[in-house]
Amino acid sequence: MPRYEYRCKACGDTFELNRPMAESSAPAECPQGHPDTVKLLSTVAVTGTSGPAKPAPSGGGCCGGGCCG
């Protein structure tokens, strides 16, 4: 189940909730009982590979080849 991060506007507390994707935008109450919260953007990157990261190609393209002045 996905985990979403929220911040309370009243007390500034940041907390996480596990909830179905269908409920990701549903209101969330902070652990202190305040109802006014906002969902934060995730900083986790998800990729389709499980192996080591491959280096970005270099050369050939405009900015990769050094033609951008």
Protein backbone atom coordinates (compact mmCIF):
# COMPACT_ATOMS: atom_id res chain seq x y z
CA MET A 1 0.00 0.00 0.00
CA PRO A 2 1.44 3.43 -0.88
CA ARG A 3 2.67 5.75 1.85
CA TYR A 4 1.80 9.45 1.67
CA GLU A 5 3.34 12.31 3.62
CA TYR A 6 1.24 15.14 5.03
CA ARG A 7 1.90 18.36 6.96
CA CYS A 8 -0.46 19.94 9.46
CA LYS A 9 -1.12 23.64 8.83
CA ALA A 10 -2.01 24.25 12.49
CA CYS A 11 0.98 22.72 14.30
CA GLY A 12 3.48 22.11 11.48
CA ASP A 13 3.77 18.39 12.29
CA THR A 14 4.77 16.16 9.35
CA PHE A 15 3.36 12.63 9.33
CA GLU A 16 2.89 9.67 7.01
CA LEU A 17 -0.16 7.53 6.25
CA ASN A 18 -0.47 4.23 4.41
CA ARG A 19 -3.63 4.33 2.31
CA PRO A 20 -4.91 3.08 -1.03
CA MET A 21 -4.14 5.24 -4.07
CA ALA A 22 -7.88 5.89 -4.46
CA GLU A 23 -7.79 7.67 -1.07
CA SER A 24 -4.56 9.64 -1.62
CA SER A 25 -6.36 12.98 -1.90
CA ALA A 26 -8.86 12.30 0.90
CA PRO A 27 -8.58 14.60 3.95
CA ALA A 28 -6.11 13.44 6.60
CA GLU A 29 -6.19 14.43 10.26
CA CYS A 30 -2.84 15.03 11.94
CA PRO A 31 -1.85 12.90 14.97
CA GLN A 32 -2.59 15.93 17.22
CA GLY A 33 -6.21 16.00 15.97
CA HIS A 34 -6.02 19.02 13.64
CA PRO A 35 -8.08 18.61 10.46
CA ASP A 36 -6.29 21.17 8.22
CA THR A 37 -3.48 19.24 6.49
CA VAL A 38 -1.82 19.21 3.07
CA LYS A 39 -0.33 16.28 1.14
CA LEU A 40 3.37 16.77 0.41
CA LEU A 41 5.10 15.83 -2.82
CA SER A 42 7.15 12.65 -2.63
CA THR A 43 10.92 12.91 -2.97
CA VAL A 44 11.34 9.22 -3.76
CA ALA A 45 12.23 8.38 -7.36
CA VAL A 46 10.85 5.17 -8.79
CA THR A 47 12.64 3.52 -11.70
CA GLY A 48 11.91 0.45 -13.76
CA THR A 49 15.26 -1.27 -13.22
CA SER A 50 16.55 -3.14 -10.21
CA GLY A 51 20.20 -3.22 -11.25
CA PRO A 52 22.90 -0.57 -10.98
CA ALA A 53 22.23 2.79 -12.61
CA LYS A 54 23.65 3.26 -16.08
CA PRO A 55 25.60 6.44 -16.82
CA ALA A 56 23.98 9.02 -19.08
CA PRO A 57 25.21 8.91 -22.68
CA SER A 58 27.70 11.61 -23.60
CA GLY A 59 28.59 13.21 -26.90
CA GLY A 60 26.54 13.46 -30.06
CA GLY A 61 23.60 15.53 -28.82
CA CYS A 62 23.55 19.29 -28.48
CA CYS A 63 24.16 19.74 -24.76
CA GLY A 64 25.80 16.32 -24.39
CA GLY A 65 28.24 17.14 -27.18
CA GLY A 66 29.22 20.57 -25.93
CA CYS A 67 27.66 22.65 -28.73
CA CYS A 68 25.60 24.74 -26.31
CA GLY A 69 27.68 27.81 -25.68
